[in-house]
Amino acid sequence: QGRWVDGDDKRSPPATVFDMGKPTRS
C-alpha cells in the first residue's frame, strides 16, 4: 500500500532502526 505524493514533495524517508542501530558483526 502507498500514497501518491506530489512531485514537489522531496521529504527523505524516515530513518529506521536499520539506519540508526549500531552495526555489529554478530
PDB file of all heavy atoms in Angstrom:
ATOM      1  N   GLN A   1       0.850  -1.184   0.000  1.00  0.00           N
ATOM      2  CA  GLN A   1       0.000   0.000   0.000  1.00  0.00           C
ATOM      3  C   GLN A   1       0.888   1.235   0.000  1.00  0.00           C
ATOM      4  O   GLN A   1       1.995   1.224   0.542  1.00  0.00           O
ATOM      5  CB  GLN A   1      -0.909   0.009   1.224  1.00  0.00           C
ATOM      6  CG  GLN A   1      -1.936  -1.106   1.231  1.00  0.00           C
ATOM      7  CD  GLN A   1      -2.824  -1.068   2.458  1.00  0.00           C
ATOM      8  OE1 GLN A   1      -2.639  -0.248   3.362  1.00  0.00           O
ATOM      9  NE2 GLN A   1      -3.795  -1.969   2.513  1.00  0.00           N
ATOM     10  N   GLY A   2       0.397   2.287  -0.638  1.00  0.00           N
ATOM     11  CA  GLY A   2       1.195   3.500  -0.698  1.00  0.00           C
ATOM     12  C   GLY A   2       0.343   4.730  -0.942  1.00  0.00           C
ATOM     13  O   GLY A   2      -0.880   4.647  -1.120  1.00  0.00           O
ATOM     14  N   ARG A   3       1.011   5.861  -0.946  1.00  0.00           N
ATOM     15  CA  ARG A   3       0.352   7.147  -1.145  1.00  0.00           C
ATOM     16  C   ARG A   3       1.007   7.856  -2.325  1.00  0.00           C
ATOM     17  O   ARG A   3       2.228   7.958  -2.401  1.00  0.00           O
ATOM     18  CB  ARG A   3       0.460   8.001   0.119  1.00  0.00           C
ATOM     19  CG  ARG A   3      -0.131   9.389   0.017  1.00  0.00           C
ATOM     20  CD  ARG A   3      -0.293  10.008   1.390  1.00  0.00           C
ATOM     21  NE  ARG A   3      -1.261   9.241   2.185  1.00  0.00           N
ATOM     22  CZ  ARG A   3      -1.621   9.571   3.412  1.00  0.00           C
ATOM     23  NH1 ARG A   3      -1.110  10.617   4.014  1.00  0.00           N
ATOM     24  NH2 ARG A   3      -2.509   8.835   4.067  1.00  0.00           N
ATOM     25  N   TRP A   4       0.180   8.305  -3.241  1.00  0.00           N
ATOM     26  CA  TRP A   4       0.671   9.071  -4.390  1.00  0.00           C
ATOM     27  C   TRP A   4       1.071  10.454  -3.876  1.00  0.00           C
ATOM     28  O   TRP A   4       0.256  11.157  -3.284  1.00  0.00           O
ATOM     29  CB  TRP A   4      -0.428   9.178  -5.432  1.00  0.00           C
ATOM     30  CG  TRP A   4       0.017   9.679  -6.778  1.00  0.00           C
ATOM     31  CD1 TRP A   4       0.077  10.961  -7.195  1.00  0.00           C
ATOM     32  CD2 TRP A   4       0.428   8.875  -7.883  1.00  0.00           C
ATOM     33  NE1 TRP A   4       0.516  11.036  -8.487  1.00  0.00           N
ATOM     34  CE2 TRP A   4       0.738   9.771  -8.953  1.00  0.00           C
ATOM     35  CE3 TRP A   4       0.581   7.510  -8.102  1.00  0.00           C
ATOM     36  CZ2 TRP A   4       1.178   9.321 -10.200  1.00  0.00           C
ATOM     37  CZ3 TRP A   4       1.015   7.070  -9.335  1.00  0.00           C
ATOM     38  CH2 TRP A   4       1.306   7.962 -10.375  1.00  0.00           C
ATOM     39  N   VAL A   5       2.332  10.823  -4.054  1.00  0.00           N
ATOM     40  CA  VAL A   5       2.812  12.084  -3.486  1.00  0.00           C
ATOM     41  C   VAL A   5       3.076  13.098  -4.587  1.00  0.00           C
ATOM     42  O   VAL A   5       3.355  12.754  -5.739  1.00  0.00           O
ATOM     43  CB  VAL A   5       4.098  11.881  -2.648  1.00  0.00           C
ATOM     44  CG1 VAL A   5       3.817  10.975  -1.469  1.00  0.00           C
ATOM     45  CG2 VAL A   5       5.224  11.314  -3.484  1.00  0.00           C
ATOM     46  N   ASP A   6       2.966  14.350  -4.198  1.00  0.00           N
ATOM     47  CA  ASP A   6       3.196  15.450  -5.128  1.00  0.00           C
ATOM     48  C   ASP A   6       4.640  15.440  -5.605  1.00  0.00           C
ATOM     49  O   ASP A   6       5.563  15.114  -4.855  1.00  0.00           O
ATOM     50  CB  ASP A   6       2.881  16.781  -4.430  1.00  0.00           C
ATOM     51  CG  ASP A   6       2.922  17.945  -5.389  1.00  0.00           C
ATOM     52  OD1 ASP A   6       4.029  18.488  -5.565  1.00  0.00           O
ATOM     53  OD2 ASP A   6       1.873  18.309  -5.940  1.00  0.00           O
ATOM     54  N   GLY A   7       4.848  15.811  -6.835  1.00  0.00           N
ATOM     55  CA  GLY A   7       6.193  15.805  -7.396  1.00  0.00           C
ATOM     56  C   GLY A   7       7.140  16.742  -6.679  1.00  0.00           C
ATOM     57  O   GLY A   7       8.366  16.579  -6.751  1.00  0.00           O
ATOM     58  N   ASP A   8       6.603  17.751  -5.972  1.00  0.00           N
ATOM     59  CA  ASP A   8       7.445  18.693  -5.243  1.00  0.00           C
ATOM     60  C   ASP A   8       7.778  18.205  -3.827  1.00  0.00           C
ATOM     61  O   ASP A   8       8.499  18.863  -3.100  1.00  0.00           O
ATOM     62  CB  ASP A   8       6.752  20.060  -5.146  1.00  0.00           C
ATOM     63  CG  ASP A   8       6.572  20.696  -6.527  1.00  0.00           C
ATOM     64  OD1 ASP A   8       7.427  20.439  -7.395  1.00  0.00           O
ATOM     65  OD2 ASP A   8       5.588  21.431  -6.710  1.00  0.00           O
ATOM     66  N   ASP A   9       7.211  17.063  -3.434  1.00  0.00           N
ATOM     67  CA  ASP A   9       7.463  16.536  -2.091  1.00  0.00           C
ATOM     68  C   ASP A   9       8.827  15.851  -2.077  1.00  0.00           C
ATOM     69  O   ASP A   9       8.993  14.750  -2.592  1.00  0.00           O
ATOM     70  CB  ASP A   9       6.366  15.531  -1.719  1.00  0.00           C
ATOM     71  CG  ASP A   9       6.429  15.120  -0.260  1.00  0.00           C
ATOM     72  OD1 ASP A   9       7.509  15.237   0.342  1.00  0.00           O
ATOM     73  OD2 ASP A   9       5.387  14.684   0.272  1.00  0.00           O
ATOM     74  N   LYS A  10       9.806  16.485  -1.501  1.00  0.00           N
ATOM     75  CA  LYS A  10      11.176  15.974  -1.503  1.00  0.00           C
ATOM     76  C   LYS A  10      11.579  15.411  -0.133  1.00  0.00           C
ATOM     77  O   LYS A  10      12.766  15.256   0.149  1.00  0.00           O
ATOM     78  CB  LYS A  10      12.157  17.085  -1.904  1.00  0.00           C
ATOM     79  CG  LYS A  10      11.842  17.735  -3.243  1.00  0.00           C
ATOM     80  CD  LYS A  10      11.922  16.739  -4.392  1.00  0.00           C
ATOM     81  CE  LYS A  10      11.682  17.433  -5.744  1.00  0.00           C
ATOM     82  NZ  LYS A  10      11.687  16.477  -6.864  1.00  0.00           N
ATOM     83  N   ARG A  11      10.596  15.125   0.706  1.00  0.00           N
ATOM     84  CA  ARG A  11      10.934  14.629   2.031  1.00  0.00           C
ATOM     85  C   ARG A  11      11.715  13.324   1.948  1.00  0.00           C
ATOM     86  O   ARG A  11      11.376  12.428   1.166  1.00  0.00           O
ATOM     87  CB  ARG A  11       9.675  14.414   2.859  1.00  0.00           C
ATOM     88  CG  ARG A  11       9.047  15.694   3.382  1.00  0.00           C
ATOM     89  CD  ARG A  11       7.800  15.388   4.184  1.00  0.00           C
ATOM     90  NE  ARG A  11       6.745  14.841   3.337  1.00  0.00           N
ATOM     91  CZ  ARG A  11       5.575  14.393   3.799  1.00  0.00           C
ATOM     92  NH1 ARG A  11       5.338  14.418   5.106  1.00  0.00           N
ATOM     93  NH2 ARG A  11       4.662  13.924   2.979  1.00  0.00           N
ATOM     94  N   SER A  12      12.740  13.213   2.772  1.00  0.00           N
ATOM     95  CA  SER A  12      13.519  11.982   2.827  1.00  0.00           C
ATOM     96  C   SER A  12      12.736  10.934   3.611  1.00  0.00           C
ATOM     97  O   SER A  12      11.958  11.266   4.499  1.00  0.00           O
ATOM     98  CB  SER A  12      14.865  12.234   3.506  1.00  0.00           C
ATOM     99  OG  SER A  12      15.628  13.176   2.788  1.00  0.00           O
ATOM    100  N   PRO A  13      12.937   9.661   3.286  1.00  0.00           N
ATOM    101  CA  PRO A  13      12.252   8.620   4.057  1.00  0.00           C
ATOM    102  C   PRO A  13      12.713   8.651   5.501  1.00  0.00           C
ATOM    103  O   PRO A  13      13.870   9.008   5.792  1.00  0.00           O
ATOM    104  CB  PRO A  13      12.680   7.325   3.357  1.00  0.00           C
ATOM    105  CG  PRO A  13      13.932   7.664   2.621  1.00  0.00           C
ATOM    106  CD  PRO A  13      13.774   9.099   2.220  1.00  0.00           C
ATOM    107  N   PRO A  14      11.833   8.332   6.447  1.00  0.00           N
ATOM    108  CA  PRO A  14      12.222   8.354   7.853  1.00  0.00           C
ATOM    109  C   PRO A  14      13.309   7.326   8.142  1.00  0.00           C
ATOM    110  O   PRO A  14      13.342   6.250   7.537  1.00  0.00           O
ATOM    111  CB  PRO A  14      10.916   8.005   8.582  1.00  0.00           C
ATOM    112  CG  PRO A  14      10.105   7.250   7.567  1.00  0.00           C
ATOM    113  CD  PRO A  14      10.439   7.857   6.242  1.00  0.00           C
ATOM    114  N   ALA A  15      14.207   7.681   9.052  1.00  0.00           N
ATOM    115  CA  ALA A  15      15.262   6.749   9.440  1.00  0.00           C
ATOM    116  C   ALA A  15      14.647   5.557  10.181  1.00  0.00           C
ATOM    117  O   ALA A  15      13.698   5.699  10.951  1.00  0.00           O
ATOM    118  CB  ALA A  15      16.282   7.453  10.319  1.00  0.00           C
ATOM    119  N   THR A  16      15.170   4.383   9.925  1.00  0.00           N
ATOM    120  CA  THR A  16      14.685   3.170  10.575  1.00  0.00           C
ATOM    121  C   THR A  16      15.732   2.659  11.554  1.00  0.00           C
ATOM    122  O   THR A  16      16.855   3.157  11.614  1.00  0.00           O
ATOM    123  CB  THR A  16      14.400   2.075   9.533  1.00  0.00           C
ATOM    124  OG1 THR A  16      15.657   1.627   8.976  1.00  0.00           O
ATOM    125  CG2 THR A  16      13.505   2.609   8.406  1.00  0.00           C
ATOM    126  N   VAL A  17      15.366   1.639  12.311  1.00  0.00           N
ATOM    127  CA  VAL A  17      16.331   1.060  13.248  1.00  0.00           C
ATOM    128  C   VAL A  17      17.516   0.470  12.498  1.00  0.00           C
ATOM    129  O   VAL A  17      18.624   0.391  13.043  1.00  0.00           O
ATOM    130  CB  VAL A  17      15.667  -0.017  14.123  1.00  0.00           C
ATOM    131  CG1 VAL A  17      14.560   0.590  14.965  1.00  0.00           C
ATOM    132  CG2 VAL A  17      15.122  -1.162  13.290  1.00  0.00           C
ATOM    133  N   PHE A  18      17.292   0.083  11.248  1.00  0.00           N
ATOM    134  CA  PHE A  18      18.398  -0.460  10.457  1.00  0.00           C
ATOM    135  C   PHE A  18      19.396   0.640  10.086  1.00  0.00           C
ATOM    136  O   PHE A  18      20.573   0.369   9.874  1.00  0.00           O
ATOM    137  CB  PHE A  18      17.863  -1.142   9.200  1.00  0.00           C
ATOM    138  CG  PHE A  18      16.990  -2.330   9.491  1.00  0.00           C
ATOM    139  CD1 PHE A  18      15.601  -2.210   9.505  1.00  0.00           C
ATOM    140  CD2 PHE A  18      17.540  -3.570   9.774  1.00  0.00           C
ATOM    141  CE1 PHE A  18      14.793  -3.303   9.790  1.00  0.00           C
ATOM    142  CE2 PHE A  18      16.748  -4.666  10.052  1.00  0.00           C
ATOM    143  CZ  PHE A  18      15.369  -4.532  10.067  1.00  0.00           C
ATOM    144  N   ASP A  19      18.899   1.882  10.005  1.00  0.00           N
ATOM    145  CA  ASP A  19      19.782   3.022   9.733  1.00  0.00           C
ATOM    146  C   ASP A  19      20.462   3.526  11.003  1.00  0.00           C
ATOM    147  O   ASP A  19      21.633   3.896  10.991  1.00  0.00           O
ATOM    148  CB  ASP A  19      18.989   4.180   9.105  1.00  0.00           C
ATOM    149  CG  ASP A  19      18.247   3.778   7.849  1.00  0.00           C
ATOM    150  OD1 ASP A  19      18.843   3.093   7.012  1.00  0.00           O
ATOM    151  OD2 ASP A  19      17.060   4.125   7.721  1.00  0.00           O
ATOM    152  N   MET A  20      19.714   3.543  12.107  1.00  0.00           N
ATOM    153  CA  MET A  20      20.192   4.167  13.341  1.00  0.00           C
ATOM    154  C   MET A  20      20.889   3.204  14.286  1.00  0.00           C
ATOM    155  O   MET A  20      21.625   3.622  15.176  1.00  0.00           O
ATOM    156  CB  MET A  20      19.020   4.826  14.073  1.00  0.00           C
ATOM    157  CG  MET A  20      18.299   5.904  13.272  1.00  0.00           C
ATOM    158  SD  MET A  20      16.972   6.689  14.216  1.00  0.00           S
ATOM    159  CE  MET A  20      15.849   5.296  14.455  1.00  0.00           C
ATOM    160  N   GLY A  21      20.651   1.896  14.116  1.00  0.00           N
ATOM    161  CA  GLY A  21      21.221   0.922  15.031  1.00  0.00           C
ATOM    162  C   GLY A  21      22.731   0.805  14.893  1.00  0.00           C
ATOM    163  O   GLY A  21      23.320   1.199  13.883  1.00  0.00           O
ATOM    164  N   LYS A  22      23.344   0.253  15.917  1.00  0.00           N
ATOM    165  CA  LYS A  22      24.790   0.066  15.913  1.00  0.00           C
ATOM    166  C   LYS A  22      25.138  -1.213  15.158  1.00  0.00           C
ATOM    167  O   LYS A  22      24.713  -2.304  15.545  1.00  0.00           O
ATOM    168  CB  LYS A  22      25.320  -0.029  17.345  1.00  0.00           C
ATOM    169  CG  LYS A  22      26.822  -0.255  17.424  1.00  0.00           C
ATOM    170  CD  LYS A  22      27.285  -0.405  18.863  1.00  0.00           C
ATOM    171  CE  LYS A  22      28.789  -0.676  18.916  1.00  0.00           C
ATOM    172  NZ  LYS A  22      29.265  -0.855  20.318  1.00  0.00           N
ATOM    173  N   PRO A  23      25.922  -1.106  14.074  1.00  0.00           N
ATOM    174  CA  PRO A  23      26.307  -2.318  13.340  1.00  0.00           C
ATOM    175  C   PRO A  23      27.169  -3.230  14.213  1.00  0.00           C
ATOM    176  O   PRO A  23      28.016  -2.772  14.976  1.00  0.00           O
ATOM    177  CB  PRO A  23      27.105  -1.779  12.149  1.00  0.00           C
ATOM    178  CG  PRO A  23      26.716  -0.342  12.031  1.00  0.00           C
ATOM    179  CD  PRO A  23      26.437   0.113  13.429  1.00  0.00           C
ATOM    180  N   THR A  24      26.932  -4.517  14.127  1.00  0.00           N
ATOM    181  CA  THR A  24      27.733  -5.490  14.856  1.00  0.00           C
ATOM    182  C   THR A  24      27.975  -6.684  13.952  1.00  0.00           C
ATOM    183  O   THR A  24      27.098  -7.060  13.159  1.00  0.00           O
ATOM    184  CB  THR A  24      27.039  -5.939  16.158  1.00  0.00           C
ATOM    185  OG1 THR A  24      27.862  -6.872  16.845  1.00  0.00           O
ATOM    186  CG2 THR A  24      25.695  -6.588  15.870  1.00  0.00           C
ATOM    187  N   ARG A  25      29.166  -7.250  14.051  1.00  0.00           N
ATOM    188  CA  ARG A  25      29.479  -8.399  13.199  1.00  0.00           C
ATOM    189  C   ARG A  25      28.580  -9.578  13.544  1.00  0.00           C
ATOM    190  O   ARG A  25      28.134 -10.314  12.666  1.00  0.00           O
ATOM    191  CB  ARG A  25      30.943  -8.794  13.357  1.00  0.00           C
ATOM    192  CG  ARG A  25      31.362  -9.936  12.420  1.00  0.00           C
ATOM    193  CD  ARG A  25      32.818 -10.306  12.590  1.00  0.00           C
ATOM    194  NE  ARG A  25      33.197 -11.354  11.647  1.00  0.00           N
ATOM    195  CZ  ARG A  25      32.982 -12.653  11.855  1.00  0.00           C
ATOM    196  NH1 ARG A  25      32.385 -13.050  12.964  1.00  0.00           N
ATOM    197  NH2 ARG A  25      33.355 -13.547  10.942  1.00  0.00           N
ATOM    198  N   SER A  26      28.328  -9.749  14.833  1.00  0.00           N
ATOM    199  CA  SER A  26      27.477 -10.859  15.258  1.00  0.00           C
ATOM    200  C   SER A  26      26.879 -10.548  16.622  1.00  0.00           C
ATOM    201  O   SER A  26      27.557 -10.040  17.511  1.00  0.00           O
ATOM    202  CB  SER A  26      28.290 -12.157  15.328  1.00  0.00           C
ATOM    203  OG  SER A  26      27.460 -13.256  15.639  1.00  0.00           O
TER     204      SER A  26
END
